[in-house]
Amino acid sequence: MTVDGADAAHTAGPAGTTVEPDGGRSGDRKTAARPAGGRRGRPWLTVFTLSLAAMMVSLDGTIVAVAQPVMQHRLQASLTEMQWVTNGYLLAVAVLLIVAGRVGDLFGHRQVFLAGTLGFTLASAAIGLSTDVGAVICFRVLQGVFGALMQPATLALIMTAFPADRMNLPIAVRSSVIAVSMALGPIAGGLIVHYASWQLAFFINVPLGALTDLLGLVVLRDAKEEGAARGLDVPGLLLLSATLSALVWGLTAASGRDWGDPAVWAPLAGAAALACCFVGWERRAANPVIPMPLFRSPLLSVGVLLLIVNAFSLFGTSFFLAFYLQHVRGLTPMESGLQVLPLTVMMVVGAPFVALWIGKAGPRIPAALGMLMNAVALFGISRLDGHEGSGQLGFWLFVMGLGFSPIMVGATKLVLGNAPQGFSGVASGIQQTAMQVGGSLGVAVLGALMASGVRDVLSRRLAADGTRLSAAQFDHTVQSVSVGLHGHSAQLSGLPSSVFEQVSRAAFRSGMGTALTVTCLVALCAAVAGLLVRTRQPGK
């Protein structure tokens, strides 16, 4: 699942827009091209083509979320491996979003968009043909690389097709396509997995991608910065990539090991050291990936924080809800898709009302209150016991969806509206990257907390029953129970299947409750930060 926050705010420029030494934005020199006859550059054909690509990416994310339990079962994947199926994609997008915009400036956004769409389509086909979870993870990373190429180019191409004073409507149209795709994705994913196979969830991208690329060749007019000769900050990019990879690697490893294991704390310590090196380098780099002076603005900083925590809770919760609904509650993929519909529908329905609210109250208070609603919903979901009716979970997902739009729109406006003049393109890249980083951390951290809770409950219960397992057998049991499975592990434990099923479900609910309670506290802290941060204008 990916969320285009720039679209949610209807204000962002292309993520790759660069800042010139004189403080001017190189993107400012790019003007809307006028169609020169034929179909090339036609404004609404351009919007249709770009919206088709946005629909493909949005559907892919939501369909995959519903398909995860079936993928895990068919591929015999562990919790850690399933985390990497999601995190491999998110990390690739997070690391490359900013630089992808710069590549478009140098070589043309049309070419970068077409290459991204083609690569995304081929990677999707390769995932569908894969029979090994390792191959799926590798191709998901590739899918993320090409997805990162597509996103910044989209806004740049819309800017080429429309004059500046007519930008709101085409961006709003594309945003609506993304929102509707996210709402329909769980249902489509449930139908596909229930009546066909998880592979079709990826094969569906092939005709969509082929049509998008074909239309792009005919319709899109190129967008390229004039005189864009600045080089990439390669050391900064490598340091950022290494920092994020080490951080997520360590957190993901914690789902299968104790926190004191060197395989967990060593990469986390390495991530801290690399982060310090990255900040130090960026402070003196001529063309930094992330200009550190931007974060001198408290409002911009709290906007980034809210975006990270929003994605943290959304992606992390969605990851485990699919396993909870299908393996603990016993719902079919179709039924689980319908169960999460209140969340995705409210993302669509709430946006127009949020725009009016923010227009009157400013972005800070709505964003902070949206995060507060998020915290309340997370607390409610953490209290579920597996025997609740569908209406109870639906209510909490409704509340969570209700809080989503104020956070996304408000926090995005905080980031873009408080960036210094000439830095709006860089701020847009930071905004989008924050969402992907937050999503990666959410899946990794919640996975580690989930496994830790499961490990604690299982160790106490098995010890009470006098069951002794080897370290390898116990780790295998923890990994299985952490995704809601108990069949093979029941044989290892020596307990009757019905008894171990009760134990494993109790352990899963306990682990999920712990993970979501911690996420609730993180969301609450972010909401308080949003409410208390100082503003230049009262109430804004």
Protein backbone atom coordinates (compact mmCIF):
# COMPACT_ATOMS: atom_id res chain seq x y z
CA MET A 1 0.00 0.00 0.00
CA THR A 2 1.32 3.44 -0.94
CA VAL A 3 -0.17 6.77 -0.08
CA ASP A 4 0.52 9.84 -2.18
CA GLY A 5 0.40 12.61 0.37
CA ALA A 6 1.15 15.27 -2.18
CA ASP A 7 -2.05 14.33 -3.92
CA ALA A 8 -3.95 14.44 -0.64
CA ALA A 9 -2.96 18.06 -0.15
CA HIS A 10 -3.42 19.00 -3.80
CA THR A 11 -0.49 21.37 -3.44
CA ALA A 12 2.80 19.61 -3.95
CA GLY A 13 5.25 20.16 -6.77
CA PRO A 14 7.41 17.39 -8.21
CA ALA A 15 9.58 15.69 -5.63
CA GLY A 16 12.67 16.09 -7.73
CA THR A 17 12.48 19.87 -8.08
CA THR A 18 15.89 21.22 -7.19
CA VAL A 19 17.11 24.30 -5.37
CA GLU A 20 19.53 26.50 -7.25
CA PRO A 21 22.43 28.31 -5.52
CA ASP A 22 20.58 31.60 -5.75
CA GLY A 23 17.66 30.13 -3.79
CA GLY A 24 15.37 29.88 -6.81
CA ARG A 25 13.62 26.65 -7.71
CA SER A 26 14.69 25.16 -11.00
CA GLY A 27 11.19 23.82 -11.43
CA ASP A 28 9.96 27.40 -11.64
CA ARG A 29 11.42 27.62 -15.13
CA LYS A 30 9.22 24.80 -16.37
CA THR A 31 6.05 26.01 -18.02
CA ALA A 32 2.99 24.17 -19.20
CA ALA A 33 3.51 22.96 -22.74
CA ARG A 34 0.78 23.59 -25.27
CA PRO A 35 -0.37 20.71 -27.44
CA ALA A 36 1.09 20.95 -30.90
CA GLY A 37 -1.55 18.89 -32.66
CA GLY A 38 -2.33 15.18 -32.43
CA ARG A 39 -2.64 13.44 -29.09
CA ARG A 40 0.80 14.26 -27.68
CA GLY A 41 0.49 16.59 -24.70
CA ARG A 42 -3.33 16.68 -24.64
CA PRO A 43 -4.10 17.68 -21.02
CA TRP A 44 -6.92 15.30 -20.14
CA LEU A 45 -5.41 12.37 -22.03
CA THR A 46 -2.31 13.02 -19.93
CA VAL A 47 -4.37 12.96 -16.72
CA PHE A 48 -6.09 9.74 -17.82
CA THR A 49 -2.74 8.05 -18.49
CA LEU A 50 -1.19 9.14 -15.21
CA SER A 51 -4.34 8.22 -13.28
CA LEU A 52 -4.21 4.73 -14.77
CA ALA A 53 -0.69 4.32 -13.41
CA ALA A 54 -1.78 5.66 -10.00
CA MET A 55 -4.67 3.18 -9.96
CA MET A 56 -2.29 0.31 -10.70
CA VAL A 57 0.05 1.18 -7.83
CA SER A 58 -2.78 1.84 -5.34
CA LEU A 59 -4.62 -1.38 -6.22
CA ASP A 60 -1.38 -3.33 -5.94
CA GLY A 61 -0.76 -2.14 -2.38
CA THR A 62 -4.25 -2.83 -1.02
CA ILE A 63 -4.69 -6.13 -2.86
CA VAL A 64 -1.34 -7.42 -1.59
CA ALA A 65 -2.34 -6.53 1.99
CA VAL A 66 -5.38 -8.82 1.75
CA ALA A 67 -3.43 -11.55 -0.06
CA GLN A 68 -0.63 -11.78 2.54
CA PRO A 69 -2.03 -14.68 4.62
CA VAL A 70 -2.59 -16.83 1.53
CA MET A 71 0.88 -15.94 0.21
CA GLN A 72 2.39 -16.87 3.57
CA HIS A 73 0.65 -20.24 3.53
CA ARG A 74 1.41 -21.12 -0.11
CA LEU A 75 5.05 -20.01 0.10
CA GLN A 76 5.57 -21.48 3.60
CA ALA A 77 7.04 -18.13 4.64
CA SER A 78 7.93 -17.05 8.16
CA LEU A 79 6.81 -13.82 9.82
CA THR A 80 10.21 -12.24 9.07
CA GLU A 81 10.00 -13.20 5.41
CA MET A 82 6.47 -11.79 5.09
CA GLN A 83 7.65 -8.56 6.71
CA TRP A 84 10.30 -8.27 3.99
CA VAL A 85 7.70 -8.83 1.28
CA THR A 86 6.19 -5.52 2.45
CA ASN A 87 9.31 -3.75 3.70
CA GLY A 88 11.44 -4.56 0.66
CA TYR A 89 9.01 -2.55 -1.47
CA LEU A 90 8.58 0.31 1.01
CA LEU A 91 12.31 0.69 1.65
CA ALA A 92 13.14 0.84 -2.05
CA VAL A 93 10.53 3.56 -2.57
CA ALA A 94 11.64 5.50 0.52
CA VAL A 95 15.31 5.52 -0.43
CA LEU A 96 14.82 6.43 -4.09
CA LEU A 97 11.87 8.87 -4.12
CA ILE A 98 13.94 12.03 -3.80
CA VAL A 99 16.68 10.96 -6.19
CA ALA A 100 14.08 9.71 -8.72
CA GLY A 101 12.79 13.24 -9.13
CA ARG A 102 16.33 14.47 -9.75
CA VAL A 103 16.89 11.76 -12.38
CA GLY A 104 13.72 12.99 -14.11
CA ASP A 105 15.10 16.53 -14.09
CA LEU A 106 18.29 15.32 -15.77
CA PHE A 107 16.92 12.83 -18.31
CA GLY A 108 13.28 13.82 -18.76
CA HIS A 109 10.27 12.86 -16.64
CA ARG A 110 8.48 11.18 -19.53
CA GLN A 111 11.33 8.73 -20.09
CA VAL A 112 11.67 8.05 -16.35
CA PHE A 113 7.91 7.51 -15.98
CA LEU A 114 7.76 5.08 -18.92
CA ALA A 115 10.79 3.17 -17.62
CA GLY A 116 9.26 3.03 -14.14
CA THR A 117 5.91 1.77 -15.45
CA LEU A 118 7.53 -0.88 -17.63
CA GLY A 119 9.78 -2.06 -14.80
CA PHE A 120 6.90 -2.13 -12.32
CA THR A 121 4.85 -4.23 -14.76
CA LEU A 122 7.64 -6.72 -15.44
CA ALA A 123 8.49 -7.02 -11.73
CA SER A 124 4.81 -7.72 -10.99
CA ALA A 125 4.77 -10.50 -13.58
CA ALA A 126 7.97 -11.96 -12.13
CA ILE A 127 6.43 -12.02 -8.62
CA GLY A 128 3.38 -13.85 -9.97
CA LEU A 129 5.64 -16.46 -11.56
CA SER A 130 7.73 -16.95 -8.40
CA THR A 131 7.36 -20.07 -6.27
CA ASP A 132 9.94 -19.13 -3.63
CA VAL A 133 9.55 -16.40 -1.01
CA GLY A 134 13.15 -15.25 -1.54
CA ALA A 135 12.40 -14.55 -5.19
CA VAL A 136 9.19 -12.73 -4.23
CA ILE A 137 11.14 -10.46 -1.87
CA CYS A 138 13.78 -9.68 -4.52
CA PHE A 139 11.18 -8.78 -7.13
CA ARG A 140 9.21 -6.73 -4.58
CA VAL A 141 12.36 -4.66 -4.05
CA LEU A 142 12.62 -4.19 -7.82
CA GLN A 143 8.95 -3.26 -7.91
CA GLY A 144 9.69 -0.58 -5.31
CA VAL A 145 12.62 0.77 -7.33
CA PHE A 146 10.44 1.25 -10.40
CA GLY A 147 7.52 2.52 -8.29
CA ALA A 148 9.82 5.25 -6.97
CA LEU A 149 10.62 6.29 -10.54
CA MET A 150 6.93 6.68 -11.37
CA GLN A 151 5.74 8.84 -8.47
CA PRO A 152 7.73 12.12 -8.76
CA ALA A 153 7.43 12.10 -12.55
CA THR A 154 3.63 12.12 -12.36
CA LEU A 155 3.24 15.60 -10.88
CA ALA A 156 5.96 16.98 -13.15
CA LEU A 157 4.10 15.69 -16.21
CA ILE A 158 0.79 17.18 -15.02
CA MET A 159 2.57 20.53 -14.59
CA THR A 160 3.73 20.27 -18.20
CA ALA A 161 0.20 19.63 -19.50
CA PHE A 162 -1.66 22.35 -17.56
CA PRO A 163 -1.06 26.03 -16.81
CA ALA A 164 -0.31 26.81 -13.17
CA ASP A 165 -3.74 28.36 -12.56
CA ARG A 166 -5.53 25.16 -13.70
CA MET A 167 -3.56 22.59 -11.68
CA ASN A 168 -6.03 21.89 -8.87
CA LEU A 169 -8.66 20.04 -10.93
CA PRO A 170 -6.36 17.50 -12.66
CA ILE A 171 -4.54 16.75 -9.40
CA ALA A 172 -7.91 16.35 -7.67
CA VAL A 173 -9.05 13.92 -10.38
CA ARG A 174 -5.92 11.83 -9.97
CA SER A 175 -6.30 11.95 -6.18
CA SER A 176 -9.87 10.68 -6.47
CA VAL A 177 -8.69 7.76 -8.61
CA ILE A 178 -6.12 6.85 -5.93
CA ALA A 179 -8.70 7.11 -3.16
CA VAL A 180 -11.31 5.01 -4.98
CA SER A 181 -8.64 2.41 -5.83
CA MET A 182 -7.68 2.16 -2.18
CA ALA A 183 -11.34 1.72 -1.23
CA LEU A 184 -11.97 -0.99 -3.85
CA GLY A 185 -8.62 -2.76 -3.34
CA PRO A 186 -9.61 -4.89 -0.31
CA ILE A 187 -12.75 -6.15 -2.06
CA ALA A 188 -10.89 -6.82 -5.32
CA GLY A 189 -8.11 -8.55 -3.40
CA GLY A 190 -10.59 -10.71 -1.53
CA LEU A 191 -12.34 -11.76 -4.73
CA ILE A 192 -9.08 -12.48 -6.56
CA VAL A 193 -7.54 -14.55 -3.76
CA HIS A 194 -10.78 -16.36 -2.90
CA TYR A 195 -11.79 -17.32 -6.43
CA ALA A 196 -8.41 -17.44 -8.19
CA SER A 197 -4.93 -17.25 -6.61
CA TRP A 198 -2.53 -14.82 -4.94
CA GLN A 199 -0.48 -14.73 -8.16
CA LEU A 200 -3.34 -13.02 -9.97
CA ALA A 201 -3.02 -10.13 -7.49
CA PHE A 202 0.26 -9.34 -9.28
CA PHE A 203 -0.64 -10.50 -12.80
CA ILE A 204 -3.47 -7.93 -12.83
CA ASN A 205 -0.76 -5.25 -13.11
CA VAL A 206 0.41 -6.61 -16.48
CA PRO A 207 -2.51 -5.41 -18.67
CA LEU A 208 -2.80 -2.17 -16.68
CA GLY A 209 0.92 -1.49 -17.00
CA ALA A 210 1.03 -2.38 -20.69
CA LEU A 211 -1.90 -0.05 -21.43
CA THR A 212 -0.33 2.76 -19.38
CA ASP A 213 3.01 2.46 -21.17
CA LEU A 214 1.32 2.34 -24.58
CA LEU A 215 -0.73 5.43 -23.82
CA GLY A 216 2.33 7.13 -22.35
CA LEU A 217 4.30 6.66 -25.55
CA VAL A 218 1.51 8.30 -27.54
CA VAL A 219 0.14 10.90 -25.13
CA LEU A 220 2.81 12.20 -22.75
CA ARG A 221 4.87 15.28 -23.54
CA ASP A 222 8.28 15.39 -21.90
CA ALA A 223 9.07 17.50 -18.83
CA LYS A 224 12.73 18.28 -18.33
CA GLU A 225 14.47 20.99 -16.34
CA GLU A 226 16.40 23.57 -18.34
CA GLY A 227 20.05 23.65 -17.41
CA ALA A 228 19.70 20.90 -14.80
CA ALA A 229 23.36 20.06 -14.41
CA ARG A 230 23.80 19.60 -10.67
CA GLY A 231 25.11 16.21 -9.66
CA LEU A 232 23.47 13.81 -7.24
CA ASP A 233 24.61 13.65 -3.63
CA VAL A 234 25.80 10.07 -3.98
CA PRO A 235 27.49 9.80 -0.53
CA GLY A 236 24.37 11.20 1.13
CA LEU A 237 22.13 8.82 -0.79
CA LEU A 238 24.29 5.81 0.13
CA LEU A 239 24.39 6.82 3.80
CA LEU A 240 20.60 7.28 3.86
CA SER A 241 20.07 3.91 2.16
CA ALA A 242 22.42 2.15 4.58
CA THR A 243 20.82 3.81 7.62
CA LEU A 244 17.27 2.83 6.70
CA SER A 245 18.27 -0.68 5.64
CA ALA A 246 20.22 -1.36 8.86
CA LEU A 247 17.38 0.01 11.00
CA VAL A 248 14.66 -2.07 9.34
CA TRP A 249 16.96 -5.13 9.17
CA GLY A 250 17.57 -5.02 12.93
CA LEU A 251 13.92 -4.45 13.81
CA THR A 252 12.77 -7.22 11.47
CA ALA A 253 15.38 -9.62 12.90
CA ALA A 254 13.92 -8.96 16.37
CA SER A 255 10.73 -10.78 15.33
CA GLY A 256 12.65 -14.06 15.28
CA ARG A 257 15.28 -13.49 18.01
CA ASP A 258 15.77 -12.03 21.46
CA TRP A 259 16.65 -8.32 21.66
CA GLY A 260 20.03 -9.25 23.14
CA ASP A 261 21.00 -11.25 20.06
CA PRO A 262 23.89 -9.62 18.12
CA ALA A 263 21.85 -10.10 14.92
CA VAL A 264 19.37 -7.58 16.39
CA TRP A 265 21.38 -5.00 18.33
CA ALA A 266 24.38 -4.89 15.95
CA PRO A 267 22.42 -3.56 12.93
CA LEU A 268 20.46 -1.19 15.21
CA ALA A 269 23.72 0.20 16.62
CA GLY A 270 25.06 0.44 13.08
CA ALA A 271 21.93 2.34 12.01
CA ALA A 272 22.46 4.87 14.82
CA ALA A 273 26.10 5.40 13.80
CA LEU A 274 25.20 5.71 10.12
CA ALA A 275 22.43 8.21 10.96
CA CYS A 276 24.96 10.42 12.74
CA CYS A 277 27.28 10.19 9.72
CA PHE A 278 24.39 11.06 7.38
CA VAL A 279 23.39 14.15 9.37
CA GLY A 280 27.04 15.26 9.59
CA TRP A 281 27.53 14.84 5.85
CA GLU A 282 24.29 16.57 4.92
CA ARG A 283 25.22 19.62 7.01
CA ARG A 284 28.24 20.30 4.79
CA ALA A 285 27.20 18.75 1.46
CA ALA A 286 26.94 21.19 -1.46
CA ASN A 287 23.78 19.52 -2.81
CA PRO A 288 22.29 17.58 0.13
CA VAL A 289 19.63 14.91 -0.29
CA ILE A 290 17.76 16.39 2.71
CA PRO A 291 18.73 19.98 3.59
CA MET A 292 19.00 20.02 7.39
CA PRO A 293 18.05 23.74 7.74
CA LEU A 294 14.49 22.81 6.74
CA PHE A 295 13.98 21.23 10.16
CA ARG A 296 14.61 24.51 11.96
CA SER A 297 10.88 25.10 11.45
CA PRO A 298 8.99 23.44 14.35
CA LEU A 299 5.81 23.25 12.26
CA LEU A 300 7.56 21.53 9.36
CA SER A 301 9.24 19.11 11.77
CA VAL A 302 5.99 18.21 13.52
CA GLY A 303 4.34 17.76 10.11
CA VAL A 304 7.01 15.20 9.16
CA LEU A 305 6.54 13.50 12.56
CA LEU A 306 2.77 13.22 12.05
CA LEU A 307 3.24 11.76 8.56
CA ILE A 308 5.73 9.16 9.81
CA VAL A 309 3.53 8.10 12.73
CA ASN A 310 0.42 8.01 10.52
CA ALA A 311 2.09 5.63 8.06
CA PHE A 312 3.65 3.72 10.98
CA SER A 313 0.23 2.94 12.44
CA LEU A 314 -1.60 2.45 9.13
CA PHE A 315 0.86 0.04 7.50
CA GLY A 316 1.70 -1.80 10.71
CA THR A 317 -1.93 -2.32 11.69
CA SER A 318 -2.99 -3.35 8.18
CA PHE A 319 -0.18 -5.92 8.02
CA PHE A 320 -1.36 -7.83 11.10
CA LEU A 321 -5.09 -7.30 10.66
CA ALA A 322 -5.04 -9.51 7.56
CA PHE A 323 -3.54 -12.40 9.56
CA TYR A 324 -5.88 -11.72 12.49
CA LEU A 325 -9.02 -11.75 10.35
CA GLN A 326 -8.12 -14.80 8.26
CA HIS A 327 -6.17 -16.99 10.69
CA VAL A 328 -7.68 -16.06 14.07
CA ARG A 329 -11.22 -14.98 13.17
CA GLY A 330 -11.39 -17.57 10.37
CA LEU A 331 -12.71 -15.19 7.71
CA THR A 332 -12.19 -15.77 4.00
CA PRO A 333 -10.05 -13.28 2.04
CA MET A 334 -13.27 -11.83 0.61
CA GLU A 335 -14.82 -11.41 4.06
CA SER A 336 -11.64 -9.84 5.45
CA GLY A 337 -11.59 -7.38 2.54
CA LEU A 338 -15.15 -6.34 3.35
CA GLN A 339 -14.26 -6.06 7.05
CA VAL A 340 -11.62 -3.35 6.44
CA LEU A 341 -13.88 -1.41 4.07
CA PRO A 342 -14.83 1.22 6.73
CA LEU A 343 -11.17 2.24 6.92
CA THR A 344 -10.64 2.74 3.18
CA VAL A 345 -14.07 4.27 2.53
CA MET A 346 -13.55 6.94 5.17
CA MET A 347 -10.25 7.87 3.52
CA VAL A 348 -12.32 8.84 0.46
CA VAL A 349 -15.44 10.29 2.09
CA GLY A 350 -13.61 12.37 4.68
CA ALA A 351 -11.35 14.32 2.31
CA PRO A 352 -13.83 17.04 1.12
CA PHE A 353 -14.97 17.82 4.68
CA VAL A 354 -11.37 17.94 5.87
CA ALA A 355 -10.53 20.48 3.16
CA LEU A 356 -13.29 22.78 4.47
CA TRP A 357 -12.20 22.25 8.07
CA ILE A 358 -8.55 23.02 7.33
CA GLY A 359 -9.59 26.08 5.31
CA LYS A 360 -11.18 27.53 8.45
CA ALA A 361 -8.98 26.19 11.27
CA GLY A 362 -5.60 25.84 9.58
CA PRO A 363 -3.74 22.52 9.25
CA ARG A 364 -2.19 22.04 12.71
CA ILE A 365 -5.24 21.42 14.92
CA PRO A 366 -7.06 19.11 12.44
CA ALA A 367 -3.86 17.07 11.94
CA ALA A 368 -3.29 16.73 15.69
CA LEU A 369 -6.94 15.81 16.38
CA GLY A 370 -6.84 13.30 13.52
CA MET A 371 -3.83 11.67 15.18
CA LEU A 372 -5.75 11.64 18.47
CA MET A 373 -8.58 9.75 16.72
CA ASN A 374 -5.96 7.38 15.37
CA ALA A 375 -4.69 6.72 18.91
CA VAL A 376 -8.24 6.05 20.18
CA ALA A 377 -8.90 3.61 17.32
CA LEU A 378 -5.62 1.77 17.93
CA PHE A 379 -6.48 1.38 21.60
CA GLY A 380 -9.90 0.00 20.68
CA ILE A 381 -8.44 -2.51 18.19
CA SER A 382 -5.82 -3.60 20.75
CA ARG A 383 -8.64 -4.69 23.12
CA LEU A 384 -10.22 -7.13 20.64
CA ASP A 385 -10.38 -10.74 21.85
CA GLY A 386 -11.18 -12.65 18.65
CA HIS A 387 -14.82 -13.20 19.61
CA GLU A 388 -16.14 -9.72 18.85
CA GLY A 389 -18.74 -9.08 16.17
CA SER A 390 -17.78 -7.56 12.85
CA GLY A 391 -19.45 -4.29 13.86
CA GLN A 392 -17.01 -3.68 16.73
CA LEU A 393 -13.88 -3.88 14.59
CA GLY A 394 -15.67 -1.98 11.82
CA PHE A 395 -16.39 0.88 14.23
CA TRP A 396 -12.74 1.24 15.25
CA LEU A 397 -11.60 1.08 11.61
CA PHE A 398 -14.20 3.75 10.83
CA VAL A 399 -12.67 5.98 13.54
CA MET A 400 -9.17 5.30 12.21
CA GLY A 401 -10.24 6.17 8.66
CA LEU A 402 -11.95 9.30 9.97
CA GLY A 403 -8.64 10.48 11.41
CA PHE A 404 -6.62 9.66 8.29
CA SER A 405 -7.58 12.59 6.05
CA PRO A 406 -6.98 15.35 8.65
CA ILE A 407 -3.53 13.90 9.32
CA MET A 408 -2.58 13.48 5.67
CA VAL A 409 -3.87 16.79 4.38
CA GLY A 410 -2.99 18.81 7.48
CA ALA A 411 0.50 17.37 7.96
CA THR A 412 1.30 17.72 4.26
CA LYS A 413 0.30 21.38 4.37
CA LEU A 414 2.44 21.84 7.50
CA VAL A 415 5.45 20.46 5.63
CA LEU A 416 4.95 22.27 2.33
CA GLY A 417 3.57 25.49 3.80
CA ASN A 418 6.48 25.98 6.22
CA ALA A 419 9.33 25.19 3.82
CA PRO A 420 11.43 28.25 2.91
CA GLN A 421 10.75 29.79 -0.48
CA GLY A 422 12.50 27.79 -3.17
CA PHE A 423 12.42 24.55 -1.15
CA SER A 424 8.88 23.34 -1.89
CA GLY A 425 10.06 20.63 -4.27
CA VAL A 426 12.53 19.26 -1.72
CA ALA A 427 9.86 19.44 0.99
CA SER A 428 7.49 17.46 -1.25
CA GLY A 429 10.13 14.74 -1.61
CA ILE A 430 10.65 14.67 2.17
CA GLN A 431 6.89 14.44 2.69
CA GLN A 432 6.55 11.40 0.42
CA THR A 433 9.69 9.76 1.82
CA ALA A 434 8.40 10.20 5.39
CA MET A 435 5.32 8.14 4.51
CA GLN A 436 7.35 5.26 3.08
CA VAL A 437 9.85 5.29 5.97
CA GLY A 438 6.99 5.33 8.48
CA GLY A 439 5.35 2.37 6.74
CA SER A 440 8.59 0.35 6.78
CA LEU A 441 9.16 1.09 10.46
CA GLY A 442 5.54 0.26 11.30
CA VAL A 443 5.72 -3.24 9.82
CA ALA A 444 9.16 -3.88 11.35
CA VAL A 445 8.48 -2.50 14.85
CA LEU A 446 5.01 -4.02 15.20
CA GLY A 447 6.42 -7.34 13.95
CA ALA A 448 9.13 -7.26 16.61
CA LEU A 449 6.64 -6.34 19.37
CA MET A 450 4.20 -8.97 18.13
CA ALA A 451 6.82 -11.73 18.20
CA SER A 452 8.07 -10.59 21.61
CA GLY A 453 4.55 -10.81 23.06
CA VAL A 454 3.94 -14.21 21.48
CA ARG A 455 7.31 -15.48 22.75
CA ASP A 456 6.49 -14.41 26.30
CA VAL A 457 3.04 -16.04 26.40
CA LEU A 458 4.19 -19.28 24.76
CA SER A 459 7.24 -19.70 26.99
CA ARG A 460 5.14 -19.30 30.15
CA ARG A 461 2.34 -21.62 28.97
CA LEU A 462 4.62 -24.35 27.62
CA ALA A 463 6.71 -24.25 30.79
CA ALA A 464 3.56 -24.57 32.91
CA ASP A 465 2.55 -27.67 30.91
CA GLY A 466 6.03 -29.17 31.22
CA THR A 467 6.66 -29.01 27.46
CA ARG A 468 10.33 -28.72 26.45
CA LEU A 469 11.26 -27.62 22.94
CA SER A 470 14.66 -27.07 21.38
CA ALA A 471 15.62 -23.47 20.60
CA ALA A 472 15.00 -24.07 16.89
CA GLN A 473 11.61 -25.67 17.53
CA PHE A 474 10.56 -22.85 19.85
CA ASP A 475 11.63 -20.17 17.33
CA HIS A 476 9.68 -21.97 14.61
CA THR A 477 6.62 -22.07 16.88
CA VAL A 478 6.90 -18.34 17.66
CA GLN A 479 7.17 -17.49 13.96
CA SER A 480 4.12 -19.62 13.11
CA VAL A 481 1.93 -18.33 15.92
CA SER A 482 2.93 -14.72 15.11
CA VAL A 483 1.05 -15.03 11.82
CA GLY A 484 -1.88 -16.87 13.42
CA LEU A 485 -0.92 -20.44 12.43
CA HIS A 486 -0.80 -23.38 14.82
CA GLY A 487 -1.14 -26.66 12.91
CA HIS A 488 2.45 -28.00 12.64
CA SER A 489 3.54 -26.28 15.86
CA ALA A 490 0.90 -28.21 17.82
CA GLN A 491 2.71 -31.44 16.94
CA LEU A 492 6.04 -29.98 18.13
CA SER A 493 4.55 -28.88 21.45
CA GLY A 494 3.08 -32.29 22.26
CA LEU A 495 -0.17 -30.65 23.35
CA PRO A 496 -3.55 -31.74 21.93
CA SER A 497 -4.37 -29.75 18.81
CA SER A 498 -7.47 -28.14 20.35
CA VAL A 499 -5.53 -27.04 23.43
CA PHE A 500 -2.60 -25.65 21.43
CA GLU A 501 -5.02 -23.80 19.15
CA GLN A 502 -6.43 -21.98 22.17
CA VAL A 503 -2.92 -21.24 23.45
CA SER A 504 -1.68 -19.96 20.09
CA ARG A 505 -4.69 -17.73 19.55
CA ALA A 506 -4.33 -16.28 23.02
CA ALA A 507 -0.64 -15.65 22.32
CA PHE A 508 -1.43 -13.99 18.98
CA ARG A 509 -4.04 -11.71 20.54
CA SER A 510 -1.67 -10.85 23.38
CA GLY A 511 1.16 -10.03 20.96
CA MET A 512 -1.09 -7.96 18.72
CA GLY A 513 -2.54 -6.16 21.74
CA THR A 514 0.95 -5.27 22.98
CA ALA A 515 2.06 -4.04 19.54
CA LEU A 516 -1.05 -1.90 19.02
CA THR A 517 -0.93 -0.48 22.56
CA VAL A 518 2.62 0.73 21.96
CA THR A 519 1.52 2.18 18.61
CA CYS A 520 -1.37 3.92 20.39
CA LEU A 521 1.10 5.56 22.79
CA VAL A 522 3.32 6.67 19.88
CA ALA A 523 0.29 8.19 18.14
CA LEU A 524 -0.75 9.92 21.37
CA CYS A 525 2.71 11.48 21.76
CA ALA A 526 2.60 12.70 18.14
CA ALA A 527 -0.86 14.23 18.73
CA VAL A 528 0.40 16.06 21.83
CA ALA A 529 3.40 17.35 19.88
CA GLY A 530 1.05 18.66 17.19
CA LEU A 531 -1.13 20.43 19.76
CA LEU A 532 1.73 21.99 21.71
CA VAL A 533 4.08 23.10 18.94
CA ARG A 534 4.39 26.85 18.65
CA THR A 535 2.89 28.56 15.63
CA ARG A 536 3.69 31.81 13.89
CA GLN A 537 -0.02 32.64 13.82
CA PRO A 538 -2.32 31.57 16.64
CA GLY A 539 -4.62 28.74 15.70
CA LYS A 540 -2.78 27.92 12.47
